[in-house]
């Protein structure tokens, strides 16, 4: 996991310091045991963040669309 300090500067001149976390190759970031995962995220603290293995199985664009639309994109008919 790569950690980079960043500063957000807003239009009124207010600055906010954050930390950008970037997952390594084949990894994902999580702070809830893998329920929610990210490849990259900006956080206030690194406490509780961990890098986990990404799932090895990839699906096609068509299969992803079927999942998202509940099957409405079924082109097999």
C-alpha atoms as a PDB file:
ATOM      1  CA  UNK A   1       0.000   0.000   0.000  1.00  0.00           C
ATOM      2  CA  UNK A   2       1.379   3.355  -1.037  1.00  0.00           C
ATOM      3  CA  UNK A   3       0.653   6.379   1.186  1.00  0.00           C
ATOM      4  CA  UNK A   4       0.907   9.902  -0.196  1.00  0.00           C
ATOM      5  CA  UNK A   5       0.161  13.103   1.753  1.00  0.00           C
ATOM      6  CA  UNK A   6      -2.157  15.459  -0.120  1.00  0.00           C
ATOM      7  CA  UNK A   7      -3.609  18.888   0.591  1.00  0.00           C
ATOM      8  CA  UNK A   8      -7.045  19.981  -0.592  1.00  0.00           C
ATOM      9  CA  UNK A   9      -7.266  23.760  -0.977  1.00  0.00           C
ATOM     10  CA  UNK A  10     -10.772  25.158  -1.199  1.00  0.00           C
ATOM     11  CA  UNK A  11     -11.908  28.340  -2.930  1.00  0.00           C
ATOM     12  CA  UNK A  12     -11.969  30.259   0.340  1.00  0.00           C
ATOM     13  CA  UNK A  13      -8.308  29.382   0.978  1.00  0.00           C
ATOM     14  CA  UNK A  14      -9.041  26.720   3.583  1.00  0.00           C
ATOM     15  CA  UNK A  15      -6.622  23.802   3.363  1.00  0.00           C
ATOM     16  CA  UNK A  16      -7.293  20.230   4.463  1.00  0.00           C
ATOM     17  CA  UNK A  17      -4.605  17.583   4.805  1.00  0.00           C
ATOM     18  CA  UNK A  18      -5.481  14.006   3.794  1.00  0.00           C
ATOM     19  CA  UNK A  19      -3.631  10.810   3.016  1.00  0.00           C
ATOM     20  CA  UNK A  20      -4.052   9.089  -0.351  1.00  0.00           C
ATOM     21  CA  UNK A  21      -3.868   5.290  -0.077  1.00  0.00           C
ATOM     22  CA  UNK A  22      -3.136   3.313  -3.220  1.00  0.00           C
ATOM     23  CA  UNK A  23      -3.416  -0.471  -3.325  1.00  0.00           C
ATOM     24  CA  UNK A  24      -0.556  -2.463  -4.806  1.00  0.00           C
ATOM     25  CA  UNK A  25      -0.853  -4.727  -7.850  1.00  0.00           C
ATOM     26  CA  UNK A  26      -3.402  -7.476  -7.262  1.00  0.00           C
ATOM     27  CA  UNK A  27      -4.502  -5.888  -3.981  1.00  0.00           C
ATOM     28  CA  UNK A  28      -7.451  -3.905  -2.660  1.00  0.00           C
ATOM     29  CA  UNK A  29      -7.847  -1.593   0.336  1.00  0.00           C
ATOM     30  CA  UNK A  30     -10.431  -2.124   3.077  1.00  0.00           C
ATOM     31  CA  UNK A  31     -11.275  -0.806   6.510  1.00  0.00           C
ATOM     32  CA  UNK A  32     -14.177  -3.168   7.210  1.00  0.00           C
ATOM     33  CA  UNK A  33     -12.713  -6.638   6.705  1.00  0.00           C
ATOM     34  CA  UNK A  34     -13.236  -6.716   2.944  1.00  0.00           C
ATOM     35  CA  UNK A  35     -16.949  -5.865   2.796  1.00  0.00           C
ATOM     36  CA  UNK A  36     -16.149  -2.609   0.992  1.00  0.00           C
ATOM     37  CA  UNK A  37     -12.981  -2.421  -1.092  1.00  0.00           C
ATOM     38  CA  UNK A  38     -11.121   0.305  -2.951  1.00  0.00           C
ATOM     39  CA  UNK A  39      -8.155   0.540  -5.287  1.00  0.00           C
ATOM     40  CA  UNK A  40      -7.482   4.116  -4.131  1.00  0.00           C
ATOM     41  CA  UNK A  41      -8.973   6.225  -1.336  1.00  0.00           C
ATOM     42  CA  UNK A  42      -8.299   9.549   0.455  1.00  0.00           C
ATOM     43  CA  UNK A  43      -8.498   9.302   4.249  1.00  0.00           C
ATOM     44  CA  UNK A  44      -7.850  11.392   7.347  1.00  0.00           C
ATOM     45  CA  UNK A  45      -5.970   8.559   9.088  1.00  0.00           C
ATOM     46  CA  UNK A  46      -4.511   5.212   8.044  1.00  0.00           C
ATOM     47  CA  UNK A  47      -5.758   3.577  11.254  1.00  0.00           C
ATOM     48  CA  UNK A  48      -7.815   0.490  10.463  1.00  0.00           C
ATOM     49  CA  UNK A  49      -6.928   0.343   6.769  1.00  0.00           C
ATOM     50  CA  UNK A  50      -5.467  -2.867   5.366  1.00  0.00           C
ATOM     51  CA  UNK A  51      -4.469  -4.240   2.000  1.00  0.00           C
ATOM     52  CA  UNK A  52      -6.065  -7.546   0.968  1.00  0.00           C
ATOM     53  CA  UNK A  53      -5.722  -9.806  -2.069  1.00  0.00           C
ATOM     54  CA  UNK A  54      -8.023  -8.899  -4.938  1.00  0.00           C
ATOM     55  CA  UNK A  55     -10.274 -11.667  -6.219  1.00  0.00           C
ATOM     56  CA  UNK A  56      -8.600 -13.632  -8.979  1.00  0.00           C
ATOM     57  CA  UNK A  57     -11.741 -14.155 -11.022  1.00  0.00           C
ATOM     58  CA  UNK A  58     -12.656 -11.506 -13.578  1.00  0.00           C
ATOM     59  CA  UNK A  59     -15.943 -11.307 -15.418  1.00  0.00           C
ATOM     60  CA  UNK A  60     -16.697 -10.004 -18.894  1.00  0.00           C
ATOM     61  CA  UNK A  61     -18.252  -6.618 -19.566  1.00  0.00           C
ATOM     62  CA  UNK A  62     -21.427  -8.381 -20.703  1.00  0.00           C
ATOM     63  CA  UNK A  63     -21.666 -10.399 -17.477  1.00  0.00           C
ATOM     64  CA  UNK A  64     -21.090  -7.256 -15.402  1.00  0.00           C
ATOM     65  CA  UNK A  65     -23.890  -5.483 -17.266  1.00  0.00           C
ATOM     66  CA  UNK A  66     -26.205  -8.453 -16.633  1.00  0.00           C
ATOM     67  CA  UNK A  67     -25.444  -8.250 -12.914  1.00  0.00           C
ATOM     68  CA  UNK A  68     -26.012  -4.494 -12.789  1.00  0.00           C
ATOM     69  CA  UNK A  69     -29.257  -4.586 -14.785  1.00  0.00           C
ATOM     70  CA  UNK A  70     -30.609  -7.763 -13.206  1.00  0.00           C
ATOM     71  CA  UNK A  71     -30.424  -9.639 -16.505  1.00  0.00           C
ATOM     72  CA  UNK A  72     -31.997  -6.928 -18.647  1.00  0.00           C
ATOM     73  CA  UNK A  73     -28.939  -6.910 -20.907  1.00  0.00           C
ATOM     74  CA  UNK A  74     -29.272 -10.586 -21.779  1.00  0.00           C
ATOM     75  CA  UNK A  75     -28.083 -10.867 -25.373  1.00  0.00           C
ATOM     76  CA  UNK A  76     -28.226 -14.677 -25.516  1.00  0.00           C
ATOM     77  CA  UNK A  77     -31.820 -14.726 -26.816  1.00  0.00           C
END
